[in-house]
């Protein structure tokens, strides 16, 4: 079974989510936008979520193509 189409669709969805996160993150209308400690905390959480999601995904894709 060829999994390449599924991987491509999943990758496109992840890229759309990443772009949407940055668009939402740079919204100056947010009430906490002026509080730099809150902004840093929010970006830290988003970065951690992406690291926890993308690193295992890339590792598993690498293993999939090596086997």
Protein backbone atom coordinates (compact mmCIF):
# COMPACT_ATOMS: atom_id res chain seq x y z
CA UNK A 1 0.00 0.00 0.00
CA UNK A 2 1.39 3.38 -1.01
CA UNK A 3 1.26 5.86 1.87
CA UNK A 4 2.77 8.81 0.00
CA UNK A 5 -0.58 10.55 -0.76
CA UNK A 6 -1.56 10.34 2.89
CA UNK A 7 1.80 11.74 3.99
CA UNK A 8 1.52 14.60 1.51
CA UNK A 9 -1.98 15.50 2.72
CA UNK A 10 -0.86 15.32 6.36
CA UNK A 11 2.14 17.52 5.58
CA UNK A 12 -0.03 20.12 3.86
CA UNK A 13 -2.41 20.18 6.83
CA UNK A 14 0.54 20.66 9.21
CA UNK A 15 1.91 23.52 7.12
CA UNK A 16 -1.51 25.21 7.05
CA UNK A 17 -1.71 24.86 10.84
CA UNK A 18 1.78 26.35 11.21
CA UNK A 19 0.94 29.36 9.03
CA UNK A 20 -2.37 29.88 10.86
CA UNK A 21 -0.54 29.82 14.18
CA UNK A 22 1.81 32.57 13.07
CA UNK A 23 -1.05 34.66 11.68
CA UNK A 24 -2.92 34.37 14.97
CA UNK A 25 0.27 34.94 16.97
CA UNK A 26 0.97 38.30 15.34
CA UNK A 27 -2.50 39.71 15.98
CA UNK A 28 -2.05 43.12 17.65
CA UNK A 29 -5.76 43.35 18.57
CA UNK A 30 -5.25 40.83 21.36
CA UNK A 31 -5.63 42.36 24.83
CA UNK A 32 -2.44 40.67 26.10
CA UNK A 33 -0.37 41.70 23.06
CA UNK A 34 1.37 44.53 24.95
CA UNK A 35 2.40 42.25 27.83
CA UNK A 36 5.74 40.89 26.57
CA UNK A 37 5.99 38.19 29.26
CA UNK A 38 2.63 36.78 28.15
CA UNK A 39 3.69 36.91 24.49
CA UNK A 40 6.92 35.04 25.25
CA UNK A 41 5.02 32.48 27.30
CA UNK A 42 2.48 31.90 24.52
CA UNK A 43 5.21 31.51 21.88
CA UNK A 44 7.06 29.10 24.16
CA UNK A 45 3.95 26.95 24.48
CA UNK A 46 3.34 26.98 20.72
CA UNK A 47 6.98 26.09 20.04
CA UNK A 48 6.83 23.22 22.51
CA UNK A 49 3.63 21.89 20.93
CA UNK A 50 5.18 21.96 17.46
CA UNK A 51 8.37 20.30 18.66
CA UNK A 52 6.38 17.55 20.38
CA UNK A 53 4.30 17.04 17.24
CA UNK A 54 6.81 17.41 14.41
CA UNK A 55 9.91 15.68 15.79
CA UNK A 56 8.19 12.30 16.35
CA UNK A 57 6.38 12.68 13.02
CA UNK A 58 9.63 13.21 11.10
CA UNK A 59 11.31 10.39 13.02
CA UNK A 60 8.48 7.97 12.24
CA UNK A 61 8.40 9.00 8.58
CA UNK A 62 12.15 8.43 8.39
CA UNK A 63 11.73 4.95 9.90
CA UNK A 64 8.82 4.23 7.54
CA UNK A 65 10.89 5.00 4.45
CA UNK A 66 13.94 3.12 5.73
CA UNK A 67 12.00 -0.09 6.35
